[in-house]
Amino acid sequence: VWGDEPVSVGPPSQPDVRIVLEPPGADRGASPAER
């Protein structure tokens, strides 16, 4: 776990790679229909 705001994870062998985990449509200005 590389960060908690936003939550990000990645392989320990690649400390410079982040997979950010977030709810569908988060922080994208997505409408309810898009979500």
Full PDB file with SEQRES, HELIX, SHEET, SSBOND, CRYST1, ORIGX, SCALE, CONECT and MASTER records, all heavy atoms in Angstrom:
SEQRES   1 A   35  VAL TRP GLY ASP GLU PRO VAL SER VAL GLY PRO PRO SER          
SEQRES   2 A   35  GLN PRO ASP VAL ARG ILE VAL LEU GLU PRO PRO GLY ALA          
SEQRES   3 A   35  ASP ARG GLY ALA SER PRO ALA GLU ARG                          
SHEET    1 AA1 3 GLY A   3  ASP A   4  0                                        
SHEET    2 AA1 3 VAL A   7  VAL A   9 -1                                        
SHEET    3 AA1 3 ILE A  19  VAL A  20 -1                                        
CRYST1    1.000    1.000    1.000  90.00  90.00  90.00 P 1           1          
ORIGX1      1.000000  0.000000  0.000000        0.00000                         
ORIGX2      0.000000  1.000000  0.000000        0.00000                         
ORIGX3      0.000000  0.000000  1.000000        0.00000                         
SCALE1      1.000000  0.000000  0.000000        0.00000                         
SCALE2      0.000000  1.000000  0.000000        0.00000                         
SCALE3      0.000000  0.000000  1.000000        0.00000                         
ATOM      1  N   VAL A   1       0.879  -1.169   0.000  1.00  0.00           N  
ATOM      2  CA  VAL A   1       0.000   0.000   0.000  1.00  0.00           C  
ATOM      3  C   VAL A   1       0.915   1.217   0.000  1.00  0.00           C  
ATOM      4  O   VAL A   1       1.666   1.438   0.941  1.00  0.00           O  
ATOM      5  CB  VAL A   1      -0.940   0.003   1.223  1.00  0.00           C  
ATOM      6  CG1 VAL A   1      -1.802   1.251   1.227  1.00  0.00           C  
ATOM      7  CG2 VAL A   1      -1.793  -1.254   1.251  1.00  0.00           C  
ATOM      8  N   TRP A   2       0.854   1.988  -1.086  1.00  0.00           N  
ATOM      9  CA  TRP A   2       1.758   3.126  -1.235  1.00  0.00           C  
ATOM     10  C   TRP A   2       1.156   4.415  -0.693  1.00  0.00           C  
ATOM     11  O   TRP A   2       1.881   5.332  -0.338  1.00  0.00           O  
ATOM     12  CB  TRP A   2       2.136   3.327  -2.704  1.00  0.00           C  
ATOM     13  CG  TRP A   2       2.874   2.186  -3.311  1.00  0.00           C  
ATOM     14  CD1 TRP A   2       2.468   1.447  -4.379  1.00  0.00           C  
ATOM     15  CD2 TRP A   2       4.134   1.646  -2.924  1.00  0.00           C  
ATOM     16  NE1 TRP A   2       3.394   0.475  -4.680  1.00  0.00           N  
ATOM     17  CE2 TRP A   2       4.435   0.578  -3.795  1.00  0.00           C  
ATOM     18  CE3 TRP A   2       5.041   1.943  -1.931  1.00  0.00           C  
ATOM     19  CZ2 TRP A   2       5.593  -0.174  -3.701  1.00  0.00           C  
ATOM     20  CZ3 TRP A   2       6.208   1.191  -1.832  1.00  0.00           C  
ATOM     21  CH2 TRP A   2       6.476   0.142  -2.710  1.00  0.00           C  
ATOM     22  N   GLY A   3      -0.147   4.505  -0.669  1.00  0.00           N  
ATOM     23  CA  GLY A   3      -0.755   5.730  -0.177  1.00  0.00           C  
ATOM     24  C   GLY A   3      -2.181   5.486   0.260  1.00  0.00           C  
ATOM     25  O   GLY A   3      -2.806   4.536  -0.179  1.00  0.00           O  
ATOM     26  N   ASP A   4      -2.673   6.363   1.138  1.00  0.00           N  
ATOM     27  CA  ASP A   4      -4.047   6.193   1.597  1.00  0.00           C  
ATOM     28  C   ASP A   4      -4.948   7.348   1.193  1.00  0.00           C  
ATOM     29  O   ASP A   4      -6.137   7.329   1.460  1.00  0.00           O  
ATOM     30  CB  ASP A   4      -4.098   5.963   3.103  1.00  0.00           C  
ATOM     31  CG  ASP A   4      -3.501   7.100   3.907  1.00  0.00           C  
ATOM     32  OD1 ASP A   4      -3.020   8.083   3.309  1.00  0.00           O  
ATOM     33  OD2 ASP A   4      -3.517   7.007   5.133  1.00  0.00           O  
ATOM     34  N   GLU A   5      -4.449   8.352   0.523  1.00  0.00           N  
ATOM     35  CA  GLU A   5      -5.279   9.461   0.045  1.00  0.00           C  
ATOM     36  C   GLU A   5      -4.709   9.992  -1.256  1.00  0.00           C  
ATOM     37  O   GLU A   5      -3.859  10.880  -1.239  1.00  0.00           O  
ATOM     38  CB  GLU A   5      -5.326  10.553   1.107  1.00  0.00           C  
ATOM     39  CG  GLU A   5      -6.416  11.554   0.937  1.00  0.00           C  
ATOM     40  CD  GLU A   5      -7.821  10.990   0.835  1.00  0.00           C  
ATOM     41  OE1 GLU A   5      -8.209  10.112   1.612  1.00  0.00           O  
ATOM     42  OE2 GLU A   5      -8.533  11.450  -0.062  1.00  0.00           O  
ATOM     43  N   PRO A   6      -5.041   9.461  -2.380  1.00  0.00           N  
ATOM     44  CA  PRO A   6      -5.968   8.343  -2.586  1.00  0.00           C  
ATOM     45  C   PRO A   6      -5.286   7.013  -2.275  1.00  0.00           C  
ATOM     46  O   PRO A   6      -4.055   6.943  -2.208  1.00  0.00           O  
ATOM     47  CB  PRO A   6      -6.301   8.428  -4.078  1.00  0.00           C  
ATOM     48  CG  PRO A   6      -5.067   9.001  -4.693  1.00  0.00           C  
ATOM     49  CD  PRO A   6      -4.511   9.965  -3.663  1.00  0.00           C  
ATOM     50  N   VAL A   7      -6.099   5.978  -2.107  1.00  0.00           N  
ATOM     51  CA  VAL A   7      -5.557   4.652  -1.827  1.00  0.00           C  
ATOM     52  C   VAL A   7      -4.857   4.139  -3.085  1.00  0.00           C  
ATOM     53  O   VAL A   7      -5.434   4.112  -4.167  1.00  0.00           O  
ATOM     54  CB  VAL A   7      -6.670   3.675  -1.404  1.00  0.00           C  
ATOM     55  CG1 VAL A   7      -6.125   2.265  -1.252  1.00  0.00           C  
ATOM     56  CG2 VAL A   7      -7.307   4.133  -0.112  1.00  0.00           C  
ATOM     57  N   SER A   8      -3.603   3.781  -2.938  1.00  0.00           N  
ATOM     58  CA  SER A   8      -2.855   3.233  -4.068  1.00  0.00           C  
ATOM     59  C   SER A   8      -2.028   2.046  -3.608  1.00  0.00           C  
ATOM     60  O   SER A   8      -1.560   1.994  -2.469  1.00  0.00           O  
ATOM     61  CB  SER A   8      -1.969   4.301  -4.717  1.00  0.00           C  
ATOM     62  OG  SER A   8      -0.997   4.773  -3.817  1.00  0.00           O  
ATOM     63  N   VAL A   9      -1.903   1.083  -4.506  1.00  0.00           N  
ATOM     64  CA  VAL A   9      -1.161  -0.138  -4.242  1.00  0.00           C  
ATOM     65  C   VAL A   9      -0.245  -0.398  -5.432  1.00  0.00           C  
ATOM     66  O   VAL A   9      -0.401   0.201  -6.493  1.00  0.00           O  
ATOM     67  CB  VAL A   9      -2.104  -1.346  -4.035  1.00  0.00           C  
ATOM     68  CG1 VAL A   9      -2.984  -1.159  -2.816  1.00  0.00           C  
ATOM     69  CG2 VAL A   9      -2.950  -1.602  -5.275  1.00  0.00           C  
ATOM     70  N   GLY A  10       0.682  -1.315  -5.254  1.00  0.00           N  
ATOM     71  CA  GLY A  10       1.548  -1.705  -6.354  1.00  0.00           C  
ATOM     72  C   GLY A  10       2.473  -2.822  -5.948  1.00  0.00           C  
ATOM     73  O   GLY A  10       2.628  -3.124  -4.757  1.00  0.00           O  
ATOM     74  N   PRO A  11       3.069  -3.465  -6.940  1.00  0.00           N  
ATOM     75  CA  PRO A  11       4.008  -4.554  -6.648  1.00  0.00           C  
ATOM     76  C   PRO A  11       5.204  -4.028  -5.850  1.00  0.00           C  
ATOM     77  O   PRO A  11       5.750  -2.969  -6.183  1.00  0.00           O  
ATOM     78  CB  PRO A  11       4.460  -5.028  -8.032  1.00  0.00           C  
ATOM     79  CG  PRO A  11       3.485  -4.448  -9.007  1.00  0.00           C  
ATOM     80  CD  PRO A  11       2.942  -3.211  -8.374  1.00  0.00           C  
ATOM     81  N   PRO A  12       5.606  -4.743  -4.812  1.00  0.00           N  
ATOM     82  CA  PRO A  12       6.747  -4.279  -4.009  1.00  0.00           C  
ATOM     83  C   PRO A  12       8.028  -4.135  -4.834  1.00  0.00           C  
ATOM     84  O   PRO A  12       8.875  -3.315  -4.518  1.00  0.00           O  
ATOM     85  CB  PRO A  12       6.916  -5.340  -2.923  1.00  0.00           C  
ATOM     86  CG  PRO A  12       5.820  -6.308  -3.088  1.00  0.00           C  
ATOM     87  CD  PRO A  12       5.038  -5.970  -4.303  1.00  0.00           C  
ATOM     88  N   SER A  13       8.130  -4.917  -5.915  1.00  0.00           N  
ATOM     89  CA  SER A  13       9.322  -4.857  -6.760  1.00  0.00           C  
ATOM     90  C   SER A  13       9.320  -3.636  -7.680  1.00  0.00           C  
ATOM     91  O   SER A  13      10.316  -3.365  -8.348  1.00  0.00           O  
ATOM     92  CB  SER A  13       9.429  -6.126  -7.604  1.00  0.00           C  
ATOM     93  OG  SER A  13       8.302  -6.227  -8.469  1.00  0.00           O  
ATOM     94  N   GLN A  14       8.206  -2.888  -7.713  1.00  0.00           N  
ATOM     95  CA  GLN A  14       8.108  -1.695  -8.550  1.00  0.00           C  
ATOM     96  C   GLN A  14       7.561  -0.528  -7.726  1.00  0.00           C  
ATOM     97  O   GLN A  14       6.429  -0.101  -7.903  1.00  0.00           O  
ATOM     98  CB  GLN A  14       7.197  -1.961  -9.749  1.00  0.00           C  
ATOM     99  CG  GLN A  14       7.753  -2.989 -10.700  1.00  0.00           C  
ATOM    100  CD  GLN A  14       6.799  -3.236 -11.855  1.00  0.00           C  
ATOM    101  OE1 GLN A  14       5.736  -3.808 -11.665  1.00  0.00           O  
ATOM    102  NE2 GLN A  14       7.189  -2.789 -13.037  1.00  0.00           N  
ATOM    103  N   PRO A  15       8.377   0.022  -6.819  1.00  0.00           N  
ATOM    104  CA  PRO A  15       7.879   1.064  -5.921  1.00  0.00           C  
ATOM    105  C   PRO A  15       7.456   2.350  -6.621  1.00  0.00           C  
ATOM    106  O   PRO A  15       6.784   3.187  -6.016  1.00  0.00           O  
ATOM    107  CB  PRO A  15       9.056   1.316  -4.974  1.00  0.00           C  
ATOM    108  CG  PRO A  15      10.240   0.792  -5.686  1.00  0.00           C  
ATOM    109  CD  PRO A  15       9.768  -0.311  -6.572  1.00  0.00           C  
ATOM    110  N   ASP A  16       7.794   2.507  -7.891  1.00  0.00           N  
ATOM    111  CA  ASP A  16       7.380   3.713  -8.605  1.00  0.00           C  
ATOM    112  C   ASP A  16       6.100   3.519  -9.414  1.00  0.00           C  
ATOM    113  O   ASP A  16       5.685   4.422 -10.134  1.00  0.00           O  
ATOM    114  CB  ASP A  16       8.512   4.199  -9.511  1.00  0.00           C  
ATOM    115  CG  ASP A  16       8.980   3.160 -10.501  1.00  0.00           C  
ATOM    116  OD1 ASP A  16       8.691   1.963 -10.299  1.00  0.00           O  
ATOM    117  OD2 ASP A  16       9.644   3.527 -11.489  1.00  0.00           O  
ATOM    118  N   VAL A  17       5.441   2.357  -9.295  1.00  0.00           N  
ATOM    119  CA  VAL A  17       4.190   2.086 -10.007  1.00  0.00           C  
ATOM    120  C   VAL A  17       3.034   2.095  -9.016  1.00  0.00           C  
ATOM    121  O   VAL A  17       3.087   1.440  -7.977  1.00  0.00           O  
ATOM    122  CB  VAL A  17       4.252   0.725 -10.750  1.00  0.00           C  
ATOM    123  CG1 VAL A  17       2.903   0.361 -11.329  1.00  0.00           C  
ATOM    124  CG2 VAL A  17       5.311   0.775 -11.840  1.00  0.00           C  
ATOM    125  N   ARG A  18       1.985   2.854  -9.329  1.00  0.00           N  
ATOM    126  CA  ARG A  18       0.821   2.972  -8.459  1.00  0.00           C  
ATOM    127  C   ARG A  18      -0.453   2.555  -9.189  1.00  0.00           C  
ATOM    128  O   ARG A  18      -0.689   2.973 -10.325  1.00  0.00           O  
ATOM    129  CB  ARG A  18       0.616   4.426  -8.026  1.00  0.00           C  
ATOM    130  CG  ARG A  18       1.805   5.075  -7.344  1.00  0.00           C  
ATOM    131  CD  ARG A  18       1.968   4.568  -5.929  1.00  0.00           C  
ATOM    132  NE  ARG A  18       2.937   5.315  -5.163  1.00  0.00           N  
ATOM    133  CZ  ARG A  18       4.233   5.043  -5.119  1.00  0.00           C  
ATOM    134  NH1 ARG A  18       4.725   4.063  -5.831  1.00  0.00           N  
ATOM    135  NH2 ARG A  18       5.047   5.746  -4.366  1.00  0.00           N  
ATOM    136  N   ILE A  19      -1.265   1.750  -8.524  1.00  0.00           N  
ATOM    137  CA  ILE A  19      -2.619   1.442  -8.980  1.00  0.00           C  
ATOM    138  C   ILE A  19      -3.531   2.129  -7.976  1.00  0.00           C  
ATOM    139  O   ILE A  19      -3.588   1.736  -6.807  1.00  0.00           O  
ATOM    140  CB  ILE A  19      -2.883  -0.068  -9.020  1.00  0.00           C  
ATOM    141  CG1 ILE A  19      -1.906  -0.758  -9.968  1.00  0.00           C  
ATOM    142  CG2 ILE A  19      -4.330  -0.344  -9.439  1.00  0.00           C  
ATOM    143  CD1 ILE A  19      -1.916  -2.280  -9.877  1.00  0.00           C  
ATOM    144  N   VAL A  20      -4.206   3.179  -8.419  1.00  0.00           N  
ATOM    145  CA  VAL A  20      -5.086   3.955  -7.546  1.00  0.00           C  
ATOM    146  C   VAL A  20      -6.455   3.277  -7.534  1.00  0.00           C  
ATOM    147  O   VAL A  20      -7.048   3.043  -8.588  1.00  0.00           O  
ATOM    148  CB  VAL A  20      -5.206   5.413  -8.030  1.00  0.00           C  
ATOM    149  CG1 VAL A  20      -6.148   6.202  -7.132  1.00  0.00           C  
ATOM    150  CG2 VAL A  20      -3.828   6.079  -8.078  1.00  0.00           C  
ATOM    151  N   LEU A  21      -6.943   2.949  -6.350  1.00  0.00           N  
ATOM    152  CA  LEU A  21      -8.246   2.290  -6.177  1.00  0.00           C  
ATOM    153  C   LEU A  21      -9.276   3.338  -5.790  1.00  0.00           C  
ATOM    154  O   LEU A  21      -9.078   4.063  -4.809  1.00  0.00           O  
ATOM    155  CB  LEU A  21      -8.150   1.218  -5.085  1.00  0.00           C  
ATOM    156  CG  LEU A  21      -7.048   0.173  -5.242  1.00  0.00           C  
ATOM    157  CD1 LEU A  21      -6.987  -0.732  -4.009  1.00  0.00           C  
ATOM    158  CD2 LEU A  21      -7.244  -0.640  -6.508  1.00  0.00           C  
ATOM    159  N   GLU A  22     -10.357   3.426  -6.571  1.00  0.00           N  
ATOM    160  CA  GLU A  22     -11.374   4.422  -6.247  1.00  0.00           C  
ATOM    161  C   GLU A  22     -12.745   3.959  -6.734  1.00  0.00           C  
ATOM    162  O   GLU A  22     -12.844   3.121  -7.627  1.00  0.00           O  
ATOM    163  CB  GLU A  22     -11.024   5.781  -6.837  1.00  0.00           C  
ATOM    164  CG  GLU A  22     -11.053   5.844  -8.338  1.00  0.00           C  
ATOM    165  CD  GLU A  22     -10.708   7.235  -8.866  1.00  0.00           C  
ATOM    166  OE1 GLU A  22     -10.113   8.046  -8.135  1.00  0.00           O  
ATOM    167  OE2 GLU A  22     -11.031   7.500 -10.021  1.00  0.00           O  
ATOM    168  N   PRO A  23     -13.813   4.522  -6.153  1.00  0.00           N  
ATOM    169  CA  PRO A  23     -15.172   4.160  -6.576  1.00  0.00           C  
ATOM    170  C   PRO A  23     -15.407   4.525  -8.039  1.00  0.00           C  
ATOM    171  O   PRO A  23     -14.777   5.448  -8.555  1.00  0.00           O  
ATOM    172  CB  PRO A  23     -16.076   4.984  -5.662  1.00  0.00           C  
ATOM    173  CG  PRO A  23     -15.214   5.412  -4.528  1.00  0.00           C  
ATOM    174  CD  PRO A  23     -13.810   5.480  -5.049  1.00  0.00           C  
ATOM    175  N   PRO A  24     -16.316   3.839  -8.705  1.00  0.00           N  
ATOM    176  CA  PRO A  24     -16.616   4.140 -10.104  1.00  0.00           C  
ATOM    177  C   PRO A  24     -17.058   5.597 -10.289  1.00  0.00           C  
ATOM    178  O   PRO A  24     -17.909   6.092  -9.566  1.00  0.00           O  
ATOM    179  CB  PRO A  24     -17.783   3.203 -10.441  1.00  0.00           C  
ATOM    180  CG  PRO A  24     -17.708   2.124  -9.423  1.00  0.00           C  
ATOM    181  CD  PRO A  24     -17.124   2.742  -8.195  1.00  0.00           C  
ATOM    182  N   GLY A  25     -16.426   6.277 -11.227  1.00  0.00           N  
ATOM    183  CA  GLY A  25     -16.803   7.653 -11.532  1.00  0.00           C  
ATOM    184  C   GLY A  25     -16.340   8.690 -10.535  1.00  0.00           C  
ATOM    185  O   GLY A  25     -16.740   9.837 -10.618  1.00  0.00           O  
ATOM    186  N   ALA A  26     -15.489   8.319  -9.587  1.00  0.00           N  
ATOM    187  CA  ALA A  26     -15.032   9.265  -8.562  1.00  0.00           C  
ATOM    188  C   ALA A  26     -14.214  10.398  -9.177  1.00  0.00           C  
ATOM    189  O   ALA A  26     -13.393  10.185 -10.057  1.00  0.00           O  
ATOM    190  CB  ALA A  26     -14.192   8.531  -7.517  1.00  0.00           C  
ATOM    191  N   ASP A  27     -14.464  11.620  -8.698  1.00  0.00           N  
ATOM    192  CA  ASP A  27     -13.684  12.806  -9.084  1.00  0.00           C  
ATOM    193  C   ASP A  27     -13.572  13.007 -10.590  1.00  0.00           C  
ATOM    194  O   ASP A  27     -12.589  13.518 -11.071  1.00  0.00           O  
ATOM    195  CB  ASP A  27     -12.281  12.743  -8.474  1.00  0.00           C  
ATOM    196  CG  ASP A  27     -12.330  12.739  -6.970  1.00  0.00           C  
ATOM    197  OD1 ASP A  27     -13.216  13.402  -6.410  1.00  0.00           O  
ATOM    198  OD2 ASP A  27     -11.497  12.064  -6.356  1.00  0.00           O  
ATOM    199  N   ARG A  28     -14.578  12.591 -11.317  1.00  0.00           N  
ATOM    200  CA  ARG A  28     -14.534  12.795 -12.764  1.00  0.00           C  
ATOM    201  C   ARG A  28     -15.707  13.636 -13.242  1.00  0.00           C  
ATOM    202  O   ARG A  28     -15.898  13.777 -14.438  1.00  0.00           O  
ATOM    203  CB  ARG A  28     -14.554  11.448 -13.484  1.00  0.00           C  
ATOM    204  CG  ARG A  28     -13.344  10.617 -13.210  1.00  0.00           C  
ATOM    205  CD  ARG A  28     -13.362   9.383 -14.069  1.00  0.00           C  
ATOM    206  NE  ARG A  28     -12.289   8.504 -13.631  1.00  0.00           N  
ATOM    207  CZ  ARG A  28     -12.370   7.204 -13.575  1.00  0.00           C  
ATOM    208  NH1 ARG A  28     -13.461   6.589 -13.945  1.00  0.00           N  
ATOM    209  NH2 ARG A  28     -11.357   6.481 -13.177  1.00  0.00           N  
ATOM    210  N   GLY A  29     -16.494  14.142 -12.330  1.00  0.00           N  
ATOM    211  CA  GLY A  29     -17.668  14.892 -12.718  1.00  0.00           C  
ATOM    212  C   GLY A  29     -18.687  14.030 -13.435  1.00  0.00           C  
ATOM    213  O   GLY A  29     -19.472  14.511 -14.247  1.00  0.00           O  
ATOM    214  N   ALA A  30     -18.657  12.743 -13.138  1.00  0.00           N  
ATOM    215  CA  ALA A  30     -19.558  11.792 -13.800  1.00  0.00           C  
ATOM    216  C   ALA A  30     -20.988  11.969 -13.293  1.00  0.00           C  
ATOM    217  O   ALA A  30     -21.208  12.140 -12.097  1.00  0.00           O  
ATOM    218  CB  ALA A  30     -19.088  10.363 -13.555  1.00  0.00           C  
ATOM    219  N   SER A  31     -21.922  11.918 -14.213  1.00  0.00           N  
ATOM    220  CA  SER A  31     -23.334  11.999 -13.855  1.00  0.00           C  
ATOM    221  C   SER A  31     -23.787  10.665 -13.268  1.00  0.00           C  
ATOM    222  O   SER A  31     -23.100   9.653 -13.424  1.00  0.00           O  
ATOM    223  CB  SER A  31     -24.167  12.316 -15.095  1.00  0.00           C  
ATOM    224  OG  SER A  31     -24.181  11.192 -15.967  1.00  0.00           O  
ATOM    225  N   PRO A  32     -24.938  10.622 -12.622  1.00  0.00           N  
ATOM    226  CA  PRO A  32     -25.464   9.342 -12.132  1.00  0.00           C  
ATOM    227  C   PRO A  32     -25.620   8.316 -13.250  1.00  0.00           C  
ATOM    228  O   PRO A  32     -25.339   7.131 -13.056  1.00  0.00           O  
ATOM    229  CB  PRO A  32     -26.816   9.719 -11.517  1.00  0.00           C  
ATOM    230  CG  PRO A  32     -26.631  11.137 -11.077  1.00  0.00           C  
ATOM    231  CD  PRO A  32     -25.752  11.754 -12.141  1.00  0.00           C  
ATOM    232  N   ALA A  33     -26.036   8.744 -14.424  1.00  0.00           N  
ATOM    233  CA  ALA A  33     -26.184   7.819 -15.556  1.00  0.00           C  
ATOM    234  C   ALA A  33     -24.827   7.268 -15.982  1.00  0.00           C  
ATOM    235  O   ALA A  33     -24.693   6.072 -16.305  1.00  0.00           O  
ATOM    236  CB  ALA A  33     -26.859   8.510 -16.725  1.00  0.00           C  
ATOM    237  N   GLU A  34     -23.805   8.105 -15.961  1.00  0.00           N  
ATOM    238  CA  GLU A  34     -22.459   7.658 -16.331  1.00  0.00           C  
ATOM    239  C   GLU A  34     -21.915   6.688 -15.281  1.00  0.00           C  
ATOM    240  O   GLU A  34     -21.292   5.678 -15.619  1.00  0.00           O  
ATOM    241  CB  GLU A  34     -21.540   8.860 -16.502  1.00  0.00           C  
ATOM    242  CG  GLU A  34     -21.901   9.683 -17.721  1.00  0.00           C  
ATOM    243  CD  GLU A  34     -21.260  11.048 -17.746  1.00  0.00           C  
ATOM    244  OE1 GLU A  34     -20.990  11.622 -16.652  1.00  0.00           O  
ATOM    245  OE2 GLU A  34     -21.048  11.564 -18.855  1.00  0.00           O  
ATOM    246  N   ARG A  35     -22.160   6.990 -14.019  1.00  0.00           N  
ATOM    247  CA  ARG A  35     -21.717   6.070 -12.957  1.00  0.00           C  
ATOM    248  C   ARG A  35     -22.412   4.721 -13.100  1.00  0.00           C  
ATOM    249  O   ARG A  35     -21.808   3.675 -12.920  1.00  0.00           O  
ATOM    250  CB  ARG A  35     -21.985   6.682 -11.591  1.00  0.00           C  
ATOM    251  CG  ARG A  35     -20.998   7.750 -11.227  1.00  0.00           C  
ATOM    252  CD  ARG A  35     -21.128   8.161  -9.758  1.00  0.00           C  
ATOM    253  NE  ARG A  35     -20.103   9.133  -9.447  1.00  0.00           N  
ATOM    254  CZ  ARG A  35     -20.294  10.443  -9.451  1.00  0.00           C  
ATOM    255  NH1 ARG A  35     -21.472  10.942  -9.736  1.00  0.00           N  
ATOM    256  NH2 ARG A  35     -19.304  11.268  -9.169  1.00  0.00           N  
TER     257      ARG A  35                                                      
MASTER        0    0    0    0    3    0    0    6  256    1    0    3          
END                                                                             
